[in-house]
Amino acid sequence: MFGYVKAEIPELRVREKEYYRAIYCGLCRAQGKCTGQCSRMTLSYDVAFLAAVRMAVMNNYPEFKRGRCIAHPIRKQPYAVMNAELEYCAYATAILSYGKCLDDIDDERGRKRFLARTVRPFMSYSRKKAIRAKKSRFGADGYSPEKLRELDSFIREKLAELADFEQHASISSVDVPADIFGQMLSEIAAFGACGNQEKLLRSIGYNLGKWVYMVDAADDCEEDKARGRFNPFLRIYDGECPTVEQRRVIADALKVQLSALEPAFDLIEYDTNRDMQGIINNILYIGMPKSASDALKLTCSCKKKK
């Protein structure tokens, strides 16, 4: 959805890289099967990470096969065979994508609004397939149409609450909207879980959601200023984009928010699945900090002279 929660591929071992790509490809196939082929356009590394985390927490690791697809028509590629977690993440992506599409229609202008209006019928179709889904083919508890409709209503409610804050906020705060987004992601992450697994996923989802909102706001700051849109950092800094020193302060705040994720991840029991542990650790400790640095433009993008 946002593209900030992804692995730093060069730092992965060969086995981990294949495992990570197989989860990504497996999610793509699950979306096509569960919510329609057009929904595969909304495939993201963010949701692939959610699928990996849910597999690790729920101790529901996938099996792997090799096959061809539209993106890889010649050479067979490894992919994760659909399980309960990939199935759910396909549904969640469809529901969240439709909510974001409606949000873009309300907030965006020009090309982005036109694009959102163009894809809305396809997103609506995928959402309907998700909330009308029959009970999980894997026998997973809590995946009934009633529960998915409740999730859909909750996501729409939180997106509306976020939009209301952005339009009528009387305070300068990034914590308030980040908290709303964190609540939404907490519910998405913990869907269908119970007991300690639910607590763990809620903690991960909430803190991850806050971090994603803050990084996205920092990344969009210049564009939001140019288009006259709401941005919490523009409100905090009197309508101006943060200076280099201010961006470093924001970077420190993001590091603190990221550290809030660590206790929950430390409680995940990977058993002997070290590949999954390596992928999640790579994303948490290398990939996400790099995304934050890139969003804040604190990473040197200069190319070496040949």
Protein backbone atom coordinates (compact mmCIF):
# COMPACT_ATOMS: atom_id res chain seq x y z
CA MET A 1 0.00 0.00 0.00
CA PHE A 2 2.74 2.47 0.95
CA GLY A 3 6.00 0.73 0.11
CA TYR A 4 7.98 1.56 3.26
CA VAL A 5 7.92 -1.88 4.93
CA LYS A 6 10.22 -3.92 2.74
CA ALA A 7 13.45 -5.84 2.93
CA GLU A 8 16.88 -4.59 1.99
CA ILE A 9 17.44 -7.33 -0.59
CA PRO A 10 21.28 -7.16 -0.83
CA GLU A 11 21.50 -7.87 2.90
CA LEU A 12 19.43 -11.08 2.68
CA ARG A 13 21.06 -14.48 2.36
CA VAL A 14 20.27 -16.41 -0.84
CA ARG A 15 17.81 -18.74 0.93
CA GLU A 16 16.09 -15.81 2.65
CA LYS A 17 15.81 -13.92 -0.62
CA GLU A 18 14.10 -16.88 -2.31
CA TYR A 19 11.80 -17.33 0.69
CA TYR A 20 10.85 -13.65 0.70
CA ARG A 21 10.11 -13.55 -3.01
CA ALA A 22 8.10 -16.77 -2.73
CA ILE A 23 5.87 -15.18 -0.07
CA TYR A 24 5.42 -12.13 -2.31
CA CYS A 25 4.53 -14.31 -5.30
CA GLY A 26 2.26 -16.46 -3.13
CA LEU A 27 0.36 -13.38 -1.97
CA CYS A 28 -0.04 -12.27 -5.60
CA ARG A 29 -1.52 -15.65 -6.52
CA ALA A 30 -3.77 -15.60 -3.45
CA GLN A 31 -5.13 -12.18 -4.42
CA GLY A 32 -5.92 -13.38 -7.94
CA LYS A 33 -7.70 -16.45 -6.63
CA CYS A 34 -9.58 -14.83 -3.73
CA THR A 35 -10.45 -11.32 -4.90
CA GLY A 36 -10.05 -11.33 -8.68
CA GLN A 37 -7.17 -10.87 -11.10
CA CYS A 38 -7.40 -7.07 -11.10
CA SER A 39 -6.73 -7.01 -7.36
CA ARG A 40 -3.19 -8.17 -8.08
CA MET A 41 -2.44 -4.56 -9.09
CA THR A 42 -2.60 -3.68 -5.37
CA LEU A 43 0.10 -6.17 -4.42
CA SER A 44 2.57 -4.63 -1.96
CA TYR A 45 5.59 -5.54 0.11
CA ASP A 46 3.84 -4.04 3.15
CA VAL A 47 1.15 -6.72 3.07
CA ALA A 48 3.73 -9.40 2.23
CA PHE A 49 5.42 -8.42 5.51
CA LEU A 50 2.09 -8.67 7.34
CA ALA A 51 1.62 -12.15 5.87
CA ALA A 52 5.11 -13.18 7.00
CA VAL A 53 4.52 -11.85 10.52
CA ARG A 54 1.17 -13.61 10.82
CA MET A 55 2.71 -16.86 9.61
CA ALA A 56 5.44 -16.58 12.23
CA VAL A 57 3.12 -15.61 15.10
CA MET A 58 0.43 -18.16 14.18
CA ASN A 59 3.09 -20.82 13.50
CA ASN A 60 1.51 -21.43 10.09
CA TYR A 61 4.43 -21.58 7.69
CA PRO A 62 3.73 -22.16 3.98
CA GLU A 63 4.69 -24.91 1.61
CA PHE A 64 6.42 -23.98 -1.64
CA LYS A 65 6.03 -24.89 -5.29
CA ARG A 66 7.39 -23.63 -8.57
CA GLY A 67 5.25 -22.31 -11.40
CA ARG A 68 4.81 -19.81 -14.21
CA CYS A 69 2.63 -16.72 -14.22
CA ILE A 70 2.01 -13.61 -16.34
CA ALA A 71 5.01 -11.85 -14.79
CA HIS A 72 7.25 -14.92 -15.26
CA PRO A 73 5.90 -16.77 -18.32
CA ILE A 74 9.11 -18.57 -19.29
CA ARG A 75 10.99 -19.62 -16.19
CA LYS A 76 9.21 -21.22 -13.25
CA GLN A 77 9.48 -19.26 -10.03
CA PRO A 78 9.05 -20.48 -6.44
CA TYR A 79 5.88 -19.34 -4.69
CA ALA A 80 4.23 -19.95 -1.33
CA VAL A 81 1.19 -22.18 -1.63
CA MET A 82 -1.88 -20.38 -0.33
CA ASN A 83 -2.62 -20.93 3.34
CA ALA A 84 -4.95 -19.23 5.83
CA GLU A 85 -2.65 -16.24 6.31
CA LEU A 86 -2.15 -15.52 2.61
CA GLU A 87 -5.88 -15.96 2.06
CA TYR A 88 -6.71 -13.46 4.79
CA CYS A 89 -4.09 -10.95 3.61
CA ALA A 90 -5.65 -11.08 0.12
CA TYR A 91 -9.03 -10.17 1.63
CA ALA A 92 -7.55 -7.45 3.84
CA THR A 93 -5.71 -5.90 0.88
CA ALA A 94 -8.92 -5.69 -1.15
CA ILE A 95 -10.82 -4.05 1.71
CA LEU A 96 -8.04 -1.58 2.53
CA SER A 97 -7.38 -0.74 -1.13
CA TYR A 98 -11.00 0.20 -1.69
CA GLY A 99 -10.97 2.45 1.37
CA LYS A 100 -7.79 4.15 0.16
CA CYS A 101 -9.31 4.55 -3.31
CA LEU A 102 -12.29 6.43 -1.84
CA ASP A 103 -9.90 8.51 0.24
CA ASP A 104 -7.91 9.46 -2.87
CA ILE A 105 -11.10 10.50 -4.68
CA ASP A 106 -11.93 12.86 -1.80
CA ASP A 107 -8.42 14.23 -1.17
CA GLU A 108 -6.54 14.17 -4.45
CA ARG A 109 -6.76 16.42 -7.48
CA GLY A 110 -6.00 16.06 -11.17
CA ARG A 111 -4.37 12.86 -12.42
CA LYS A 112 -4.45 11.01 -9.09
CA ARG A 113 -8.17 11.66 -8.60
CA PHE A 114 -8.86 10.59 -12.19
CA LEU A 115 -6.86 7.39 -11.65
CA ALA A 116 -8.71 6.65 -8.39
CA ARG A 117 -12.07 7.13 -10.10
CA THR A 118 -10.97 4.91 -12.97
CA VAL A 119 -9.94 1.98 -10.75
CA ARG A 120 -12.80 2.35 -8.27
CA PRO A 121 -15.11 -0.18 -10.01
CA PHE A 122 -12.33 -2.79 -9.95
CA MET A 123 -11.51 -2.08 -6.30
CA SER A 124 -15.20 -2.26 -5.44
CA TYR A 125 -15.49 -5.65 -7.14
CA SER A 126 -12.50 -7.00 -5.19
CA ARG A 127 -13.88 -5.65 -1.91
CA LYS A 128 -17.25 -7.29 -2.53
CA LYS A 129 -15.54 -10.61 -3.21
CA ALA A 130 -13.68 -10.23 0.08
CA ILE A 131 -16.62 -9.39 2.33
CA ARG A 132 -18.81 -12.03 0.66
CA ALA A 133 -16.18 -14.73 0.95
CA LYS A 134 -17.32 -18.05 2.28
CA LYS A 135 -15.73 -19.52 5.38
CA SER A 136 -11.99 -19.98 5.01
CA ARG A 137 -11.13 -22.95 2.84
CA PHE A 138 -8.47 -23.75 5.44
CA GLY A 139 -10.91 -23.92 8.35
CA ALA A 140 -9.45 -20.82 10.00
CA ASP A 141 -11.64 -19.39 12.75
CA GLY A 142 -13.03 -15.88 12.40
CA TYR A 143 -12.81 -15.67 8.58
CA SER A 144 -16.58 -15.68 8.10
CA PRO A 145 -18.30 -13.06 5.88
CA GLU A 146 -19.76 -11.48 9.02
CA LYS A 147 -16.31 -10.96 10.53
CA LEU A 148 -14.89 -9.62 7.27
CA ARG A 149 -17.79 -7.17 6.99
CA GLU A 150 -17.04 -6.01 10.54
CA LEU A 151 -13.42 -5.45 9.52
CA ASP A 152 -14.57 -3.54 6.44
CA SER A 153 -16.80 -1.30 8.59
CA PHE A 154 -14.00 -0.71 11.09
CA ILE A 155 -11.54 0.30 8.35
CA ARG A 156 -14.05 2.68 6.77
CA GLU A 157 -14.76 4.17 10.22
CA LYS A 158 -11.10 4.79 10.97
CA LEU A 159 -10.40 6.26 7.53
CA ALA A 160 -13.37 8.60 8.02
CA GLU A 161 -12.06 9.54 11.47
CA LEU A 162 -8.64 10.25 9.98
CA ALA A 163 -10.16 12.37 7.19
CA ASP A 164 -12.24 14.32 9.74
CA PHE A 165 -9.13 15.10 11.78
CA GLU A 166 -7.24 16.24 8.69
CA GLN A 167 -10.08 18.56 7.66
CA HIS A 168 -11.08 20.01 11.03
CA ALA A 169 -8.08 19.57 13.33
CA SER A 170 -7.52 22.48 15.68
CA ILE A 171 -4.26 21.13 17.09
CA SER A 172 -0.83 20.61 15.57
CA SER A 173 -0.08 16.95 16.19
CA VAL A 174 1.26 13.94 14.34
CA ASP A 175 0.51 11.59 17.25
CA VAL A 176 -3.28 11.89 16.99
CA PRO A 177 -3.64 10.87 13.32
CA ALA A 178 -0.85 8.30 13.71
CA ASP A 179 -2.77 6.81 16.63
CA ILE A 180 -5.92 6.49 14.49
CA PHE A 181 -3.96 4.78 11.71
CA GLY A 182 -2.26 2.55 14.29
CA GLN A 183 -5.63 1.43 15.66
CA MET A 184 -6.74 0.51 12.16
CA LEU A 185 -3.62 -1.52 11.39
CA SER A 186 -3.81 -3.15 14.81
CA GLU A 187 -7.25 -4.52 13.95
CA ILE A 188 -6.07 -5.68 10.52
CA ALA A 189 -2.99 -7.43 11.93
CA ALA A 190 -4.84 -9.22 14.73
CA PHE A 191 -7.89 -10.33 12.73
CA GLY A 192 -8.91 -13.91 13.51
CA ALA A 193 -6.25 -14.39 16.22
CA CYS A 194 -6.93 -14.99 19.89
CA GLY A 195 -5.11 -15.15 23.22
CA ASN A 196 -1.43 -14.24 23.29
CA GLN A 197 -1.21 -14.34 19.52
CA GLU A 198 -3.85 -11.63 19.28
CA LYS A 199 -2.07 -9.46 21.86
CA LEU A 200 1.21 -9.85 20.01
CA LEU A 201 -0.28 -9.01 16.61
CA ARG A 202 -2.21 -6.04 17.99
CA SER A 203 0.97 -4.58 19.46
CA ILE A 204 2.85 -5.09 16.20
CA GLY A 205 0.03 -3.69 14.08
CA TYR A 206 -0.49 -0.61 16.24
CA ASN A 207 3.15 0.46 16.44
CA LEU A 208 3.77 -0.41 12.81
CA GLY A 209 0.76 1.67 11.78
CA LYS A 210 1.99 4.71 13.69
CA TRP A 211 5.43 4.40 12.12
CA VAL A 212 4.01 4.03 8.59
CA TYR A 213 1.78 7.09 8.99
CA MET A 214 4.67 9.23 10.23
CA VAL A 215 7.03 8.11 7.45
CA ASP A 216 4.38 8.63 4.78
CA ALA A 217 3.62 12.13 6.11
CA ALA A 218 7.32 13.01 6.05
CA ASP A 219 7.72 11.62 2.54
CA ASP A 220 4.70 13.54 1.19
CA CYS A 221 5.51 16.84 2.89
CA GLU A 222 6.81 18.74 -0.15
CA GLU A 223 4.05 17.47 -2.44
CA ASP A 224 1.36 18.25 0.15
CA LYS A 225 2.68 21.79 0.50
CA ALA A 226 2.67 22.31 -3.28
CA ARG A 227 -0.89 21.00 -3.58
CA GLY A 228 -2.21 22.71 -0.46
CA ARG A 229 -3.11 19.46 1.28
CA PHE A 230 -3.07 18.65 4.99
CA ASN A 231 0.16 17.32 6.43
CA PRO A 232 0.85 17.11 10.17
CA PHE A 233 4.45 18.25 9.76
CA LEU A 234 3.37 21.30 7.75
CA ARG A 235 0.99 22.15 10.59
CA ILE A 236 3.71 21.67 13.21
CA TYR A 237 6.28 23.76 11.32
CA ASP A 238 3.96 26.66 10.40
CA GLY A 239 3.29 25.65 6.82
CA GLU A 240 6.92 24.96 5.94
CA CYS A 241 8.62 21.66 5.22
CA PRO A 242 11.04 20.57 7.96
CA THR A 243 14.61 21.77 7.70
CA VAL A 244 17.52 19.33 7.79
CA GLU A 245 17.83 19.69 11.56
CA GLN A 246 14.09 19.24 12.01
CA ARG A 247 14.14 16.16 9.78
CA ARG A 248 16.82 14.71 12.03
CA VAL A 249 14.52 15.26 15.01
CA ILE A 250 11.76 13.46 13.12
CA ALA A 251 14.21 10.66 12.32
CA ASP A 252 14.93 10.26 16.04
CA ALA A 253 11.18 10.10 16.75
CA LEU A 254 10.83 7.39 14.10
CA LYS A 255 13.66 5.42 15.68
CA VAL A 256 11.84 5.56 19.02
CA GLN A 257 8.62 4.41 17.35
CA LEU A 258 10.49 1.60 15.62
CA SER A 259 12.04 0.51 18.92
CA ALA A 260 8.49 0.10 20.30
CA LEU A 261 8.09 -2.78 17.85
CA GLU A 262 11.10 -4.72 19.11
CA PRO A 263 9.64 -6.24 22.33
CA ALA A 264 6.76 -7.81 20.40
CA PHE A 265 9.05 -9.22 17.71
CA ASP A 266 11.36 -10.62 20.38
CA LEU A 267 8.45 -12.75 21.63
CA ILE A 268 7.88 -14.50 18.29
CA GLU A 269 8.89 -18.15 18.48
CA TYR A 270 10.34 -19.13 15.13
CA ASP A 271 11.24 -22.68 16.19
CA THR A 272 13.67 -23.83 13.49
CA ASN A 273 12.48 -21.47 10.72
CA ARG A 274 15.54 -19.24 10.63
CA ASP A 275 14.79 -18.04 7.10
CA MET A 276 11.59 -16.34 8.25
CA GLN A 277 13.39 -14.88 11.25
CA GLY A 278 16.14 -13.52 9.00
CA ILE A 279 13.60 -11.90 6.66
CA ILE A 280 11.64 -10.23 9.46
CA ASN A 281 14.80 -9.02 11.19
CA ASN A 282 16.13 -7.64 7.91
CA ILE A 283 12.95 -5.64 7.33
CA LEU A 284 12.74 -4.39 10.92
CA TYR A 285 16.38 -3.47 11.48
CA ILE A 286 17.62 -2.59 7.97
CA GLY A 287 14.79 -2.11 5.48
CA MET A 288 12.48 0.10 7.55
CA PRO A 289 15.24 2.40 8.88
CA LYS A 290 16.46 2.85 5.30
CA SER A 291 12.92 3.68 4.13
CA ALA A 292 12.65 6.31 6.86
CA SER A 293 16.01 7.81 5.94
CA ASP A 294 15.03 7.93 2.26
CA ALA A 295 11.66 9.52 3.05
CA LEU A 296 13.35 12.20 5.14
CA LYS A 297 15.98 12.69 2.42
CA LEU A 298 18.77 12.01 4.85
CA THR A 299 20.34 9.39 2.59
CA CYS A 300 22.91 10.53 0.07
CA SER A 301 21.66 9.69 -3.41
CA CYS A 302 24.86 10.78 -5.16
CA LYS A 303 26.22 8.35 -7.73
CA LYS A 304 29.88 7.55 -7.90
CA LYS A 305 31.67 8.95 -10.94
CA LYS A 306 32.88 6.37 -13.39
